[in-house]
Amino acid sequence: MSIDIYDLLRPGERIDLEPAATSLRNPEDDERKSYITKIYDINDDGDIEAFMPMEKTKLLLLPVGSIYTASFFTRRGIYGCDVKIKERYKKDALFILVLEQLTEFEKQQRREYYRYDCVIGMNTRELTDNEYEEFQSNRQFILLPDPSGKSVIVDISGGGMRFVSADKYTDGSILHCIFILSINGESRRFETMFRIIASQPVANNKNNTEYRGEFIGLSNVDRDYIVKYIFEQQRINRQKN
């Protein structure tokens, strides 16, 4: 059951907008941070008006058409969805962003919410409708051909990931994905289904596309391992710094 946006969101509530990765060439040079702002109003068509974020006294002009993961800090908890910057305009002395909701609201579990920027190789393959229906019936990856498409994960969380690939997929596609994560020298192979929620071209590389979405049917054991991996990598990075 979808959540009523007018019941969930109220003017003045905080929004965190997390930008998508823009480049694999030098991922450490691409500062990934959340832009913090607040809701101004909810339009009759369901678009969300938000104050344009600022850094000190400087307005941050987020590009029209770009896609973000939005986290809404509501009285009922933190809810997330994907949004697109639909429009920017000035109203009296206020600078406003219009956010178009792309996906359904989902309540964020804090243990799954943290995203980790990374560069991890992955094999991907789009499933046919028949293959996905067959998998839903028997839940056996062994009956599926191994994915051979080459992709690179650029961030991961307990609920989903972003990846970049030269292969072309459409929003809503279901992929069969295989990748490996390691903690303390112990490697674990992940084989999962993944639904593409949104996509956009990679800046300065017209041959690649960035995709983001959610894991489908990921076991609690595998999800816990991904969360453990993220926390372990964050700990290692803090020690290095």
Protein backbone atom coordinates (compact mmCIF):
# COMPACT_ATOMS: atom_id res chain seq x y z
CA MET A 1 0.00 0.00 0.00
CA SER A 2 1.49 3.33 -1.04
CA ILE A 3 1.98 6.08 1.53
CA ASP A 4 -0.04 9.29 1.17
CA ILE A 5 2.49 12.08 0.66
CA TYR A 6 0.13 14.68 2.14
CA ASP A 7 -0.26 12.59 5.30
CA LEU A 8 3.47 11.86 5.63
CA LEU A 9 5.22 15.15 4.89
CA ARG A 10 4.83 18.56 6.47
CA PRO A 11 6.41 21.94 5.68
CA GLY A 12 9.51 22.64 7.73
CA GLU A 13 10.63 19.00 8.00
CA ARG A 14 14.23 18.20 7.14
CA ILE A 15 15.31 16.56 3.86
CA ASP A 16 18.71 15.04 3.14
CA LEU A 17 19.51 14.79 -0.59
CA GLU A 18 22.29 12.37 -1.42
CA PRO A 19 23.73 12.94 -4.92
CA ALA A 20 24.50 10.12 -7.30
CA ALA A 21 28.11 9.25 -8.13
CA THR A 22 29.37 11.08 -11.20
CA SER A 23 32.64 9.43 -12.16
CA LEU A 24 34.66 6.26 -11.75
CA ARG A 25 37.88 7.76 -13.03
CA ASN A 26 38.87 9.30 -9.69
CA PRO A 27 36.17 8.31 -7.20
CA GLU A 28 38.09 9.78 -4.26
CA ASP A 29 37.95 13.20 -5.91
CA ASP A 30 34.16 13.15 -6.07
CA GLU A 31 33.02 14.42 -2.67
CA ARG A 32 29.83 12.59 -1.86
CA LYS A 33 27.80 14.39 0.78
CA SER A 34 24.22 15.00 1.71
CA TYR A 35 22.63 18.35 0.98
CA ILE A 36 20.45 19.33 3.92
CA THR A 37 17.31 21.37 3.34
CA LYS A 38 13.67 21.62 4.43
CA ILE A 39 10.24 21.16 2.90
CA TYR A 40 8.58 24.39 1.79
CA ASP A 41 5.29 22.97 0.52
CA ILE A 42 3.62 20.03 -1.25
CA ASN A 43 2.02 20.88 -4.59
CA ASP A 44 -1.43 19.68 -5.65
CA ASP A 45 0.23 17.30 -8.16
CA GLY A 46 2.37 15.71 -5.43
CA ASP A 47 5.63 17.46 -6.27
CA ILE A 48 7.65 18.50 -3.23
CA GLU A 49 8.84 22.08 -2.96
CA ALA A 50 12.01 22.46 -0.90
CA PHE A 51 14.30 25.33 -0.01
CA MET A 52 17.43 25.37 -2.12
CA PRO A 53 20.27 24.06 0.07
CA MET A 54 23.03 26.39 1.17
CA GLU A 55 26.65 26.02 2.18
CA LYS A 56 27.48 28.83 4.60
CA THR A 57 26.01 31.78 2.70
CA LYS A 58 26.23 30.25 -0.79
CA LEU A 59 23.23 28.79 -2.60
CA LEU A 60 23.87 25.31 -4.04
CA LEU A 61 22.27 25.16 -7.47
CA LEU A 62 21.50 21.46 -7.84
CA PRO A 63 21.16 20.59 -11.56
CA VAL A 64 17.68 20.27 -13.02
CA GLY A 65 17.12 16.67 -14.15
CA SER A 66 19.57 15.13 -11.68
CA ILE A 67 18.49 12.23 -9.45
CA TYR A 68 18.93 12.05 -5.68
CA THR A 69 18.10 9.76 -2.82
CA ALA A 70 15.93 11.83 -0.49
CA SER A 71 15.58 11.06 3.21
CA PHE A 72 12.65 12.79 4.91
CA PHE A 73 12.88 13.23 8.68
CA THR A 74 9.20 13.09 9.61
CA ARG A 75 7.28 12.78 12.87
CA ARG A 76 6.74 9.11 11.94
CA GLY A 77 10.43 8.38 11.39
CA ILE A 78 12.81 8.59 8.44
CA TYR A 79 11.34 7.78 5.04
CA GLY A 80 13.30 7.58 1.81
CA CYS A 81 12.59 7.68 -1.89
CA ASP A 82 14.28 8.70 -5.13
CA VAL A 83 13.55 12.15 -6.47
CA LYS A 84 14.44 14.17 -9.54
CA ILE A 85 15.10 17.90 -9.58
CA LYS A 86 12.20 19.00 -11.76
CA GLU A 87 12.53 22.77 -11.55
CA ARG A 88 14.24 25.65 -9.77
CA TYR A 89 12.67 29.04 -9.24
CA LYS A 90 12.67 32.14 -7.06
CA LYS A 91 9.53 33.08 -5.11
CA ASP A 92 9.77 36.52 -3.54
CA ALA A 93 13.09 36.25 -1.67
CA LEU A 94 13.01 32.43 -1.49
CA PHE A 95 14.89 30.05 -3.76
CA ILE A 96 12.90 26.86 -4.31
CA LEU A 97 13.62 23.38 -5.70
CA VAL A 98 10.77 21.28 -7.09
CA LEU A 99 11.32 17.57 -6.42
CA GLU A 100 9.49 14.92 -8.44
CA GLN A 101 9.01 11.66 -6.54
CA LEU A 102 10.30 8.68 -8.57
CA THR A 103 9.80 5.77 -6.18
CA GLU A 104 7.49 4.83 -3.30
CA PHE A 105 8.34 5.95 0.22
CA GLU A 106 10.10 3.33 2.32
CA LYS A 107 10.81 3.60 6.02
CA GLN A 108 14.55 3.63 6.58
CA GLN A 109 16.09 1.17 8.98
CA ARG A 110 19.15 2.90 10.35
CA ARG A 111 21.30 -0.22 10.14
CA GLU A 112 20.63 -0.40 6.39
CA TYR A 113 20.64 3.32 5.69
CA TYR A 114 24.38 3.95 5.61
CA ARG A 115 25.89 3.88 2.15
CA TYR A 116 29.52 3.12 1.51
CA ASP A 117 31.36 4.58 -1.49
CA CYS A 118 33.40 1.88 -3.16
CA VAL A 119 34.73 0.45 -6.41
CA ILE A 120 33.77 -3.23 -6.59
CA GLY A 121 33.57 -5.33 -9.75
CA MET A 122 30.30 -7.09 -10.47
CA ASN A 123 28.78 -9.32 -13.16
CA THR A 124 25.25 -8.49 -14.29
CA ARG A 125 22.63 -9.84 -16.66
CA GLU A 126 19.06 -8.74 -17.31
CA LEU A 127 16.44 -11.42 -16.76
CA THR A 128 13.60 -12.14 -19.11
CA ASP A 129 10.09 -12.13 -17.64
CA ASN A 130 9.98 -15.92 -17.87
CA GLU A 131 13.33 -16.31 -16.09
CA TYR A 132 12.22 -14.06 -13.25
CA GLU A 133 8.90 -15.90 -12.87
CA GLU A 134 10.77 -19.21 -12.83
CA PHE A 135 13.18 -17.91 -10.20
CA GLN A 136 10.30 -16.69 -8.03
CA SER A 137 8.88 -20.20 -8.17
CA ASN A 138 11.99 -22.18 -7.28
CA ARG A 139 14.47 -19.62 -5.83
CA GLN A 140 17.41 -21.42 -7.42
CA PHE A 141 20.15 -19.40 -9.05
CA ILE A 142 21.73 -22.58 -10.37
CA LEU A 143 19.04 -22.78 -13.07
CA LEU A 144 20.05 -19.37 -14.47
CA PRO A 145 22.96 -18.69 -16.83
CA ASP A 146 25.84 -16.91 -15.11
CA PRO A 147 25.79 -13.15 -15.69
CA SER A 148 28.68 -11.98 -17.87
CA GLY A 149 28.06 -8.24 -18.16
CA LYS A 150 30.79 -6.14 -16.57
CA SER A 151 29.70 -3.51 -14.05
CA VAL A 152 31.26 -1.61 -11.15
CA ILE A 153 29.49 -0.94 -7.84
CA VAL A 154 30.12 2.66 -6.72
CA ASP A 155 28.18 2.56 -3.47
CA ILE A 156 26.35 -0.08 -1.47
CA SER A 157 24.01 -0.32 1.50
CA GLY A 158 22.00 -3.06 3.15
CA GLY A 159 19.06 -2.24 0.91
CA GLY A 160 20.58 -1.59 -2.49
CA MET A 161 23.44 -0.12 -4.48
CA ARG A 162 24.55 2.11 -7.31
CA PHE A 163 26.61 0.73 -10.14
CA VAL A 164 28.04 1.88 -13.45
CA SER A 165 28.04 -0.14 -16.64
CA ALA A 166 28.47 0.23 -20.39
CA ASP A 167 25.54 -2.19 -20.78
CA LYS A 168 22.15 -0.59 -21.33
CA TYR A 169 19.26 -1.44 -19.02
CA THR A 170 15.86 0.18 -18.61
CA ASP A 171 14.33 1.42 -15.37
CA GLY A 172 12.34 -1.36 -13.75
CA SER A 173 14.56 -4.11 -15.18
CA ILE A 174 15.41 -7.09 -12.97
CA LEU A 175 19.07 -8.11 -12.99
CA HIS A 176 20.92 -11.19 -11.85
CA CYS A 177 24.04 -9.93 -10.06
CA ILE A 178 27.18 -11.55 -8.67
CA PHE A 179 29.84 -9.73 -6.64
CA ILE A 180 32.32 -10.44 -3.84
CA LEU A 181 32.88 -8.62 -0.54
CA SER A 182 35.72 -9.29 1.89
CA ILE A 183 36.03 -8.74 5.64
CA ASN A 184 39.36 -9.41 7.39
CA GLY A 185 40.57 -11.40 4.40
CA GLU A 186 37.44 -13.59 4.29
CA SER A 187 35.63 -13.32 0.95
CA ARG A 188 31.92 -13.91 0.50
CA ARG A 189 30.22 -14.38 -2.85
CA PHE A 190 26.87 -12.65 -3.28
CA GLU A 191 24.35 -13.77 -5.86
CA THR A 192 21.17 -11.72 -5.82
CA MET A 193 18.35 -10.20 -7.80
CA PHE A 194 18.32 -6.45 -8.24
CA ARG A 195 15.63 -4.04 -9.47
CA ILE A 196 16.75 -0.87 -11.29
CA ILE A 197 14.90 2.14 -9.95
CA ALA A 198 16.61 5.01 -11.75
CA SER A 199 19.44 5.70 -14.19
CA GLN A 200 21.38 8.60 -15.61
CA PRO A 201 24.41 9.11 -17.87
CA VAL A 202 27.82 9.24 -16.24
CA ALA A 203 29.30 12.72 -16.47
CA ASN A 204 32.20 12.99 -18.93
CA ASN A 205 31.72 9.40 -20.08
CA LYS A 206 28.87 9.04 -22.55
CA ASN A 207 29.51 5.30 -22.97
CA ASN A 208 28.60 4.48 -19.36
CA THR A 209 25.36 4.73 -17.41
CA GLU A 210 24.87 4.90 -13.65
CA TYR A 211 22.08 2.73 -12.24
CA ARG A 212 20.63 2.64 -8.76
CA GLY A 213 18.09 0.37 -7.20
CA GLU A 214 17.24 -2.23 -4.60
CA PHE A 215 18.07 -5.82 -3.78
CA ILE A 216 15.25 -8.33 -4.23
CA GLY A 217 14.93 -11.28 -1.89
CA LEU A 218 18.28 -10.73 -0.20
CA SER A 219 18.56 -13.02 2.82
CA ASN A 220 18.94 -11.54 6.30
CA VAL A 221 22.31 -13.29 6.59
CA ASP A 222 23.60 -11.63 3.40
CA ARG A 223 22.12 -8.26 4.38
CA ASP A 224 23.80 -8.45 7.79
CA TYR A 225 27.11 -9.25 6.11
CA ILE A 226 26.82 -6.22 3.82
CA VAL A 227 26.09 -3.96 6.82
CA LYS A 228 29.04 -5.51 8.68
CA TYR A 229 31.24 -4.95 5.63
CA ILE A 230 30.24 -1.26 5.47
CA PHE A 231 30.99 -0.67 9.16
CA GLU A 232 34.32 -2.52 8.85
CA GLN A 233 35.37 -0.41 5.86
CA GLN A 234 34.37 2.79 7.65
CA ARG A 235 36.46 1.74 10.65
CA ILE A 236 39.46 1.05 8.41
CA ASN A 237 39.09 4.42 6.70
CA ARG A 238 38.93 6.23 10.05
CA GLN A 239 42.14 4.53 11.15
CA LYS A 240 43.87 5.55 7.92
CA ASN A 241 42.80 9.16 8.41
